[in-house]
Amino acid sequence: MLALYVLNRFQRYSTASYTAIILTMEPVFAGLFLFLFLGEILTAWQLFGGVLILIGIGVPKLVGGRAT
């Protein structure tokens, strides 16, 4: 609840692309915090999904987008 409040409060000061990145990272952070604080065991599929999200965010930033 706190994270969503902070996101909504300060979203106007950020660009649309950075806001999208933060929202896309939500399941990755959820899995990480469950693992760290609650001892959740992450399956290979969950780790693979997290890696795919990171790749999906990283590749466009490394390659660069078209200027529109």
C-alpha atoms as a PDB file:
ATOM      1  CA  MET A   1       0.000   0.000   0.000  1.00  0.00           C
ATOM      2  CA  LEU A   2       2.846   2.377   0.806  1.00  0.00           C
ATOM      3  CA  ALA A   3       4.594   1.647  -2.495  1.00  0.00           C
ATOM      4  CA  LEU A   4       1.451   2.415  -4.500  1.00  0.00           C
ATOM      5  CA  TYR A   5       0.915   5.633  -2.568  1.00  0.00           C
ATOM      6  CA  VAL A   6       4.476   6.778  -3.234  1.00  0.00           C
ATOM      7  CA  LEU A   7       4.188   5.813  -6.902  1.00  0.00           C
ATOM      8  CA  ASN A   8       0.949   7.725  -7.353  1.00  0.00           C
ATOM      9  CA  ARG A   9       2.191  10.713  -5.382  1.00  0.00           C
ATOM     10  CA  PHE A  10       5.424  11.207  -7.329  1.00  0.00           C
ATOM     11  CA  GLN A  11       4.419   9.858 -10.741  1.00  0.00           C
ATOM     12  CA  ARG A  12       3.814  13.364 -12.059  1.00  0.00           C
ATOM     13  CA  TYR A  13       7.508  14.174 -11.603  1.00  0.00           C
ATOM     14  CA  SER A  14       8.650  11.204 -13.677  1.00  0.00           C
ATOM     15  CA  THR A  15       8.466  10.350 -17.348  1.00  0.00           C
ATOM     16  CA  ALA A  16       6.027   7.806 -18.713  1.00  0.00           C
ATOM     17  CA  SER A  17       8.803   5.353 -19.578  1.00  0.00           C
ATOM     18  CA  TYR A  18      10.270   5.351 -16.061  1.00  0.00           C
ATOM     19  CA  THR A  19       6.817   4.914 -14.549  1.00  0.00           C
ATOM     20  CA  ALA A  20       6.228   1.936 -16.865  1.00  0.00           C
ATOM     21  CA  ILE A  21       9.553   0.423 -15.797  1.00  0.00           C
ATOM     22  CA  ILE A  22       8.653   0.770 -12.129  1.00  0.00           C
ATOM     23  CA  LEU A  23       5.250  -0.835 -12.677  1.00  0.00           C
ATOM     24  CA  THR A  24       6.802  -3.653 -14.716  1.00  0.00           C
ATOM     25  CA  MET A  25       9.261  -4.384 -11.915  1.00  0.00           C
ATOM     26  CA  GLU A  26       6.475  -4.842  -9.346  1.00  0.00           C
ATOM     27  CA  PRO A  27       6.255  -8.659  -9.643  1.00  0.00           C
ATOM     28  CA  VAL A  28      10.053  -8.954  -9.559  1.00  0.00           C
ATOM     29  CA  PHE A  29      10.247  -6.966  -6.329  1.00  0.00           C
ATOM     30  CA  ALA A  30       7.317  -8.908  -4.875  1.00  0.00           C
ATOM     31  CA  GLY A  31       9.104 -12.204  -5.503  1.00  0.00           C
ATOM     32  CA  LEU A  32      12.369 -10.843  -4.140  1.00  0.00           C
ATOM     33  CA  PHE A  33      10.784  -9.546  -0.931  1.00  0.00           C
ATOM     34  CA  LEU A  34       8.847 -12.782  -0.438  1.00  0.00           C
ATOM     35  CA  PHE A  35      12.091 -14.697  -0.765  1.00  0.00           C
ATOM     36  CA  LEU A  36      14.048 -12.402   1.556  1.00  0.00           C
ATOM     37  CA  PHE A  37      11.492 -11.734   4.278  1.00  0.00           C
ATOM     38  CA  LEU A  38       9.096 -14.685   4.271  1.00  0.00           C
ATOM     39  CA  GLY A  39      11.394 -17.471   3.133  1.00  0.00           C
ATOM     40  CA  GLU A  40       9.358 -18.233   0.013  1.00  0.00           C
ATOM     41  CA  ILE A  41      10.973 -20.783  -2.255  1.00  0.00           C
ATOM     42  CA  LEU A  42      11.087 -19.518  -5.832  1.00  0.00           C
ATOM     43  CA  THR A  43      10.692 -22.097  -8.571  1.00  0.00           C
ATOM     44  CA  ALA A  44      12.751 -22.157 -11.726  1.00  0.00           C
ATOM     45  CA  TRP A  45       9.771 -20.807 -13.686  1.00  0.00           C
ATOM     46  CA  GLN A  46       9.407 -17.853 -11.340  1.00  0.00           C
ATOM     47  CA  LEU A  47      13.102 -17.038 -11.603  1.00  0.00           C
ATOM     48  CA  PHE A  48      12.908 -17.434 -15.377  1.00  0.00           C
ATOM     49  CA  GLY A  49       9.961 -15.030 -15.497  1.00  0.00           C
ATOM     50  CA  GLY A  50      11.881 -12.480 -13.432  1.00  0.00           C
ATOM     51  CA  VAL A  51      14.839 -12.758 -15.772  1.00  0.00           C
ATOM     52  CA  LEU A  52      12.556 -12.284 -18.784  1.00  0.00           C
ATOM     53  CA  ILE A  53      11.141  -9.118 -17.225  1.00  0.00           C
ATOM     54  CA  LEU A  54      14.647  -7.777 -16.608  1.00  0.00           C
ATOM     55  CA  ILE A  55      15.667  -8.618 -20.179  1.00  0.00           C
ATOM     56  CA  GLY A  56      12.506  -6.990 -21.511  1.00  0.00           C
ATOM     57  CA  ILE A  57      13.387  -3.806 -19.656  1.00  0.00           C
ATOM     58  CA  GLY A  58      17.114  -3.879 -20.366  1.00  0.00           C
ATOM     59  CA  VAL A  59      17.212  -4.629 -24.081  1.00  0.00           C
ATOM     60  CA  PRO A  60      15.269  -1.543 -25.219  1.00  0.00           C
ATOM     61  CA  LYS A  61      17.369   0.656 -22.930  1.00  0.00           C
ATOM     62  CA  LEU A  62      20.608  -0.789 -24.332  1.00  0.00           C
ATOM     63  CA  VAL A  63      19.523  -0.807 -27.972  1.00  0.00           C
ATOM     64  CA  GLY A  64      17.803   2.554 -27.792  1.00  0.00           C
ATOM     65  CA  GLY A  65      14.431   3.490 -29.123  1.00  0.00           C
ATOM     66  CA  ARG A  66      13.298   5.400 -32.153  1.00  0.00           C
ATOM     67  CA  ALA A  67      12.748   9.096 -31.710  1.00  0.00           C
ATOM     68  CA  THR A  68       9.146   9.917 -32.483  1.00  0.00           C
END
